[in-house]
Amino acid sequence: MQKLTTLSAAVALVLALGGCLQNDAQRGAAGALGGAAIAGATGGSMATGAIIGGAAGVFCRDLNVPGCRN
């Protein structure tokens, strides 16, 4: 149960901060950090989490994710 709470808090924090960033590089860096943190909290591979999170941050504007704009 604690992993779920930690995961939920991390996801909420990453999403809240994601709207404050100005460009793809900043969103990619924040996504990589967030992905690694979430993977670490849930027992997954931090490297894989960083890669997936970074890619999500870089491409969120291209995918028309609400709140992700320059």
Protein backbone atom coordinates (compact mmCIF):
# COMPACT_ATOMS: atom_id res chain seq x y z
CA MET A 1 0.00 0.00 0.00
CA GLN A 2 2.87 2.36 0.76
CA LYS A 3 4.30 1.86 -2.75
CA LEU A 4 0.96 2.90 -4.24
CA THR A 5 0.87 6.02 -2.10
CA THR A 6 4.46 6.89 -3.02
CA LEU A 7 3.75 6.26 -6.69
CA SER A 8 0.62 8.40 -6.62
CA ALA A 9 2.45 11.27 -4.93
CA ALA A 10 5.33 11.08 -7.39
CA VAL A 11 3.01 11.05 -10.40
CA ALA A 12 1.07 14.03 -9.05
CA LEU A 13 4.29 15.96 -8.43
CA VAL A 14 5.68 15.25 -11.89
CA LEU A 15 2.42 16.25 -13.58
CA ALA A 16 2.17 19.43 -11.54
CA LEU A 17 5.72 20.47 -12.39
CA GLY A 18 5.38 19.47 -16.03
CA GLY A 19 3.18 22.45 -16.83
CA CYS A 20 5.77 24.92 -15.49
CA LEU A 21 8.49 24.02 -17.94
CA GLN A 22 9.25 26.10 -21.02
CA ASN A 23 10.74 23.78 -23.64
CA ASP A 24 11.29 20.17 -24.67
CA ALA A 25 14.73 19.93 -23.02
CA GLN A 26 13.39 21.05 -19.63
CA ARG A 27 10.40 18.72 -19.88
CA GLY A 28 12.71 15.87 -20.93
CA ALA A 29 15.00 16.41 -17.95
CA ALA A 30 12.06 16.61 -15.54
CA GLY A 31 10.51 13.52 -17.11
CA ALA A 32 13.76 11.59 -16.77
CA LEU A 33 14.10 12.54 -13.11
CA GLY A 34 10.47 11.77 -12.42
CA GLY A 35 10.60 8.47 -14.28
CA ALA A 36 13.69 7.38 -12.37
CA ALA A 37 12.12 8.40 -9.06
CA ILE A 38 8.89 6.53 -9.77
CA ALA A 39 10.76 3.43 -10.94
CA GLY A 40 12.97 3.52 -7.86
CA ALA A 41 9.97 3.89 -5.55
CA THR A 42 8.20 0.95 -7.13
CA GLY A 43 11.21 -1.36 -7.36
CA GLY A 44 11.69 -1.04 -11.12
CA SER A 45 14.74 -0.19 -13.17
CA MET A 46 15.65 3.46 -12.64
CA ALA A 47 17.43 3.63 -16.01
CA THR A 48 14.37 2.36 -17.85
CA GLY A 49 12.16 4.78 -15.91
CA ALA A 50 14.45 7.66 -16.81
CA ILE A 51 14.40 6.76 -20.51
CA ILE A 52 10.63 6.43 -20.63
CA GLY A 53 10.04 9.55 -18.53
CA GLY A 54 12.50 11.59 -20.57
CA ALA A 55 10.88 10.53 -23.83
CA ALA A 56 7.44 11.36 -22.45
CA GLY A 57 8.65 14.81 -21.43
CA VAL A 58 10.27 15.56 -24.78
CA PHE A 59 7.36 14.37 -26.91
CA CYS A 60 4.39 15.46 -24.76
CA ARG A 61 3.83 18.63 -26.84
CA ASP A 62 3.98 16.65 -30.08
CA LEU A 63 1.36 14.27 -28.69
CA ASN A 64 -0.95 17.18 -27.69
CA VAL A 65 -0.93 16.32 -23.99
CA PRO A 66 -3.06 18.91 -22.15
CA GLY A 67 -0.91 21.42 -20.27
CA CYS A 68 2.22 20.64 -22.29
CA ARG A 69 3.00 23.64 -24.46
CA ASN A 70 5.75 26.18 -25.06
